[in-house]
Amino acid sequence: MSAQPKVILEKILGSLGFSATVTEQKFGDDLTLDVTTEESGRLIGRQGQTLADLQYIVNRILFQQDQTAPKVTVDVGGYRTQARDALIKKAQEAAEKVRRWGDAVELEALNAFDRRIVHHALRDDAGVETHSVEVDGSDKKMLILRPKKH
């Protein structure tokens, strides 16, 4: 891989005036850049929006340098890990309601990254299927969990 995700993120953070340490963690083909800084709240932003924007910029730069570069996840102080775990737990609880009562359950509007997490977490569930539905006036979509038709 010619593109260097860690170097790119370090340059961006330095240019923005953040004093931070970036470590790489590889899980199979996935790469996570974990940022440690005294100003984690500023980098995460409201509901993780600044973090999502930072990740988008890093991936755009990587793609410009190498179109075969895999997507990189940027995390600050374990924020994404905690948020992902909470989202998966919420999705599993909703799936349990679908299996128990046989009714569809709606999850709140989610961005594409979070919807992908839920779809992935429930893809092997034999009793539940997930569908994304557009929310008017938003770039987010709502997830609906339904009993799987056999």
C-alpha atoms as a PDB file:
ATOM      1  CA  MET A   1       0.000   0.000   0.000  1.00  0.00           C
ATOM      2  CA  SER A   2       1.629   3.242  -1.118  1.00  0.00           C
ATOM      3  CA  ALA A   3      -0.692   5.477   0.892  1.00  0.00           C
ATOM      4  CA  GLN A   4       0.204   5.817   4.574  1.00  0.00           C
ATOM      5  CA  PRO A   5      -2.964   6.328   6.643  1.00  0.00           C
ATOM      6  CA  LYS A   6      -1.171   6.987   9.951  1.00  0.00           C
ATOM      7  CA  VAL A   7       1.084   9.653   8.404  1.00  0.00           C
ATOM      8  CA  ILE A   8      -1.890  11.326   6.705  1.00  0.00           C
ATOM      9  CA  LEU A   9      -3.887  11.504   9.957  1.00  0.00           C
ATOM     10  CA  GLU A  10      -0.878  12.785  11.922  1.00  0.00           C
ATOM     11  CA  LYS A  11      -0.369  15.573   9.363  1.00  0.00           C
ATOM     12  CA  ILE A  12      -4.040  16.577   9.489  1.00  0.00           C
ATOM     13  CA  LEU A  13      -4.093  16.635  13.291  1.00  0.00           C
ATOM     14  CA  GLY A  14      -0.834  18.608  13.409  1.00  0.00           C
ATOM     15  CA  SER A  15      -2.154  21.131  10.879  1.00  0.00           C
ATOM     16  CA  LEU A  16      -5.267  21.578  13.028  1.00  0.00           C
ATOM     17  CA  GLY A  17      -3.126  22.226  16.118  1.00  0.00           C
ATOM     18  CA  PHE A  18      -3.833  18.989  17.981  1.00  0.00           C
ATOM     19  CA  SER A  19      -1.116  17.337  20.020  1.00  0.00           C
ATOM     20  CA  ALA A  20      -1.938  13.665  19.579  1.00  0.00           C
ATOM     21  CA  THR A  21      -0.504  10.170  19.299  1.00  0.00           C
ATOM     22  CA  VAL A  22      -1.823   7.888  16.542  1.00  0.00           C
ATOM     23  CA  THR A  23      -1.518   4.108  16.763  1.00  0.00           C
ATOM     24  CA  GLU A  24      -2.460   1.586  14.095  1.00  0.00           C
ATOM     25  CA  GLN A  25      -4.473  -1.525  14.904  1.00  0.00           C
ATOM     26  CA  LYS A  26      -5.037  -4.160  12.233  1.00  0.00           C
ATOM     27  CA  PHE A  27      -7.857  -6.696  12.439  1.00  0.00           C
ATOM     28  CA  GLY A  28      -7.611  -8.883   9.361  1.00  0.00           C
ATOM     29  CA  ASP A  29      -8.066  -6.520   6.423  1.00  0.00           C
ATOM     30  CA  ASP A  30      -9.457  -3.715   8.609  1.00  0.00           C
ATOM     31  CA  LEU A  31      -7.264  -0.876   9.852  1.00  0.00           C
ATOM     32  CA  THR A  32      -8.164   1.355  12.775  1.00  0.00           C
ATOM     33  CA  LEU A  33      -6.223   4.493  13.629  1.00  0.00           C
ATOM     34  CA  ASP A  34      -6.637   5.184  17.337  1.00  0.00           C
ATOM     35  CA  VAL A  35      -5.951   8.759  18.427  1.00  0.00           C
ATOM     36  CA  THR A  36      -4.887   9.604  21.962  1.00  0.00           C
ATOM     37  CA  THR A  37      -5.111  13.282  22.881  1.00  0.00           C
ATOM     38  CA  GLU A  38      -5.929  15.582  25.785  1.00  0.00           C
ATOM     39  CA  GLU A  39      -8.607  17.176  23.587  1.00  0.00           C
ATOM     40  CA  SER A  40     -10.601  14.058  22.704  1.00  0.00           C
ATOM     41  CA  GLY A  41     -13.958  15.829  23.151  1.00  0.00           C
ATOM     42  CA  ARG A  42     -13.093  18.414  20.501  1.00  0.00           C
ATOM     43  CA  LEU A  43     -11.989  15.705  18.058  1.00  0.00           C
ATOM     44  CA  ILE A  44     -15.075  13.563  18.655  1.00  0.00           C
ATOM     45  CA  GLY A  45     -17.543  16.453  18.397  1.00  0.00           C
ATOM     46  CA  ARG A  46     -21.269  16.418  18.989  1.00  0.00           C
ATOM     47  CA  GLN A  47     -22.582  12.842  18.568  1.00  0.00           C
ATOM     48  CA  GLY A  48     -19.266  11.895  16.938  1.00  0.00           C
ATOM     49  CA  GLN A  49     -19.799  14.178  13.946  1.00  0.00           C
ATOM     50  CA  THR A  50     -16.303  15.725  13.984  1.00  0.00           C
ATOM     51  CA  LEU A  51     -14.788  12.250  14.252  1.00  0.00           C
ATOM     52  CA  ALA A  52     -16.919  11.059  11.312  1.00  0.00           C
ATOM     53  CA  ASP A  53     -15.805  14.058   9.255  1.00  0.00           C
ATOM     54  CA  LEU A  54     -12.142  13.431  10.119  1.00  0.00           C
ATOM     55  CA  GLN A  55     -12.490   9.788   9.078  1.00  0.00           C
ATOM     56  CA  TYR A  56     -14.121  10.854   5.803  1.00  0.00           C
ATOM     57  CA  ILE A  57     -11.252  13.249   5.009  1.00  0.00           C
ATOM     58  CA  VAL A  58      -8.592  10.624   5.770  1.00  0.00           C
ATOM     59  CA  ASN A  59     -10.333   8.087   3.528  1.00  0.00           C
ATOM     60  CA  ARG A  60     -10.762  10.626   0.693  1.00  0.00           C
ATOM     61  CA  ILE A  61      -7.051  11.457   0.771  1.00  0.00           C
ATOM     62  CA  LEU A  62      -6.159   7.754   0.856  1.00  0.00           C
ATOM     63  CA  PHE A  63      -8.438   7.043  -2.098  1.00  0.00           C
ATOM     64  CA  GLN A  64      -6.891   9.925  -4.080  1.00  0.00           C
ATOM     65  CA  GLN A  65      -3.426   8.447  -3.493  1.00  0.00           C
ATOM     66  CA  ASP A  66      -4.370   4.794  -3.990  1.00  0.00           C
ATOM     67  CA  GLN A  67      -7.779   3.773  -5.320  1.00  0.00           C
ATOM     68  CA  THR A  68      -7.282   0.245  -3.990  1.00  0.00           C
ATOM     69  CA  ALA A  69      -6.608   1.405  -0.419  1.00  0.00           C
ATOM     70  CA  PRO A  70      -8.989  -0.171   2.104  1.00  0.00           C
ATOM     71  CA  LYS A  71     -11.218   2.078   4.196  1.00  0.00           C
ATOM     72  CA  VAL A  72      -9.735   3.182   7.487  1.00  0.00           C
ATOM     73  CA  THR A  73     -11.628   3.650  10.743  1.00  0.00           C
ATOM     74  CA  VAL A  74     -10.531   6.579  12.907  1.00  0.00           C
ATOM     75  CA  ASP A  75     -11.237   6.312  16.627  1.00  0.00           C
ATOM     76  CA  VAL A  76     -10.528   8.700  19.491  1.00  0.00           C
ATOM     77  CA  GLY A  77     -10.108   7.294  22.978  1.00  0.00           C
ATOM     78  CA  GLY A  78     -12.224   4.220  22.218  1.00  0.00           C
ATOM     79  CA  TYR A  79     -15.303   6.336  21.359  1.00  0.00           C
ATOM     80  CA  ARG A  80     -16.235   4.345  18.235  1.00  0.00           C
ATOM     81  CA  THR A  81     -15.733   1.022  20.002  1.00  0.00           C
ATOM     82  CA  GLN A  82     -18.055   2.008  22.860  1.00  0.00           C
ATOM     83  CA  ALA A  83     -20.622   3.504  20.479  1.00  0.00           C
ATOM     84  CA  ARG A  84     -20.506   0.401  18.233  1.00  0.00           C
ATOM     85  CA  ASP A  85     -20.988  -1.940  21.184  1.00  0.00           C
ATOM     86  CA  ALA A  86     -23.964   0.100  22.450  1.00  0.00           C
ATOM     87  CA  LEU A  87     -25.519   0.174  18.953  1.00  0.00           C
ATOM     88  CA  ILE A  88     -25.115  -3.593  18.519  1.00  0.00           C
ATOM     89  CA  LYS A  89     -26.716  -4.170  21.929  1.00  0.00           C
ATOM     90  CA  LYS A  90     -29.656  -1.942  20.979  1.00  0.00           C
ATOM     91  CA  ALA A  91     -30.055  -3.772  17.645  1.00  0.00           C
ATOM     92  CA  GLN A  92     -29.964  -7.178  19.343  1.00  0.00           C
ATOM     93  CA  GLU A  93     -32.617  -6.072  21.853  1.00  0.00           C
ATOM     94  CA  ALA A  94     -34.807  -4.835  18.982  1.00  0.00           C
ATOM     95  CA  ALA A  95     -34.274  -8.138  17.137  1.00  0.00           C
ATOM     96  CA  GLU A  96     -35.375 -10.018  20.246  1.00  0.00           C
ATOM     97  CA  LYS A  97     -38.629  -7.979  20.292  1.00  0.00           C
ATOM     98  CA  VAL A  98     -39.193  -8.820  16.616  1.00  0.00           C
ATOM     99  CA  ARG A  99     -38.700 -12.544  17.295  1.00  0.00           C
ATOM    100  CA  ARG A 100     -40.858 -12.471  20.430  1.00  0.00           C
ATOM    101  CA  TRP A 101     -43.817 -10.420  19.162  1.00  0.00           C
ATOM    102  CA  GLY A 102     -43.575 -10.806  15.380  1.00  0.00           C
ATOM    103  CA  ASP A 103     -43.956  -7.053  14.816  1.00  0.00           C
ATOM    104  CA  ALA A 104     -41.608  -4.705  12.976  1.00  0.00           C
ATOM    105  CA  VAL A 105     -39.376  -2.503  15.144  1.00  0.00           C
ATOM    106  CA  GLU A 106     -37.960   0.861  14.046  1.00  0.00           C
ATOM    107  CA  LEU A 107     -34.562   2.117  15.134  1.00  0.00           C
ATOM    108  CA  GLU A 108     -33.781   5.833  15.069  1.00  0.00           C
ATOM    109  CA  ALA A 109     -32.324   7.484  11.976  1.00  0.00           C
ATOM    110  CA  LEU A 110     -28.701   6.438  11.540  1.00  0.00           C
ATOM    111  CA  ASN A 111     -25.855   7.452   9.264  1.00  0.00           C
ATOM    112  CA  ALA A 112     -24.486   4.955   6.731  1.00  0.00           C
ATOM    113  CA  PHE A 113     -21.607   3.854   8.990  1.00  0.00           C
ATOM    114  CA  ASP A 114     -23.970   2.966  11.854  1.00  0.00           C
ATOM    115  CA  ARG A 115     -26.521   1.267   9.570  1.00  0.00           C
ATOM    116  CA  ARG A 116     -23.740  -0.910   8.183  1.00  0.00           C
ATOM    117  CA  ILE A 117     -22.846  -1.957  11.760  1.00  0.00           C
ATOM    118  CA  VAL A 118     -26.461  -3.011  12.460  1.00  0.00           C
ATOM    119  CA  HIS A 119     -26.905  -4.806   9.114  1.00  0.00           C
ATOM    120  CA  HIS A 120     -23.642  -6.671   9.737  1.00  0.00           C
ATOM    121  CA  ALA A 121     -24.532  -7.561  13.356  1.00  0.00           C
ATOM    122  CA  LEU A 122     -27.905  -9.056  12.361  1.00  0.00           C
ATOM    123  CA  ARG A 123     -27.109 -10.533   8.939  1.00  0.00           C
ATOM    124  CA  ASP A 124     -26.893 -14.107  10.249  1.00  0.00           C
ATOM    125  CA  ASP A 125     -30.038 -13.839  12.405  1.00  0.00           C
ATOM    126  CA  ALA A 126     -32.446 -16.436  11.003  1.00  0.00           C
ATOM    127  CA  GLY A 127     -35.537 -14.680  12.370  1.00  0.00           C
ATOM    128  CA  VAL A 128     -34.918 -11.032  11.515  1.00  0.00           C
ATOM    129  CA  GLU A 129     -34.207  -8.978   8.405  1.00  0.00           C
ATOM    130  CA  THR A 130     -33.140  -5.326   8.286  1.00  0.00           C
ATOM    131  CA  HIS A 131     -34.238  -2.624   5.857  1.00  0.00           C
ATOM    132  CA  SER A 132     -33.077   0.987   5.488  1.00  0.00           C
ATOM    133  CA  VAL A 133     -35.827   3.535   4.840  1.00  0.00           C
ATOM    134  CA  GLU A 134     -35.281   7.180   3.894  1.00  0.00           C
ATOM    135  CA  VAL A 135     -36.145   9.875   6.408  1.00  0.00           C
ATOM    136  CA  ASP A 136     -37.587  13.015   4.806  1.00  0.00           C
ATOM    137  CA  GLY A 137     -35.326  16.055   5.032  1.00  0.00           C
ATOM    138  CA  SER A 138     -32.302  14.104   6.240  1.00  0.00           C
ATOM    139  CA  ASP A 139     -29.277  12.340   4.831  1.00  0.00           C
ATOM    140  CA  LYS A 140     -29.845   9.628   7.413  1.00  0.00           C
ATOM    141  CA  LYS A 141     -32.039   6.576   7.029  1.00  0.00           C
ATOM    142  CA  MET A 142     -34.131   4.719   9.576  1.00  0.00           C
ATOM    143  CA  LEU A 143     -33.622   1.011  10.090  1.00  0.00           C
ATOM    144  CA  ILE A 144     -36.619  -1.269  10.296  1.00  0.00           C
ATOM    145  CA  LEU A 145     -36.282  -4.778  11.672  1.00  0.00           C
ATOM    146  CA  ARG A 146     -38.913  -7.268  10.518  1.00  0.00           C
ATOM    147  CA  PRO A 147     -39.562 -10.962  10.959  1.00  0.00           C
ATOM    148  CA  LYS A 148     -37.754 -12.817   8.189  1.00  0.00           C
ATOM    149  CA  LYS A 149     -40.064 -14.381   5.615  1.00  0.00           C
ATOM    150  CA  HIS A 150     -39.270 -18.048   5.147  1.00  0.00           C
END
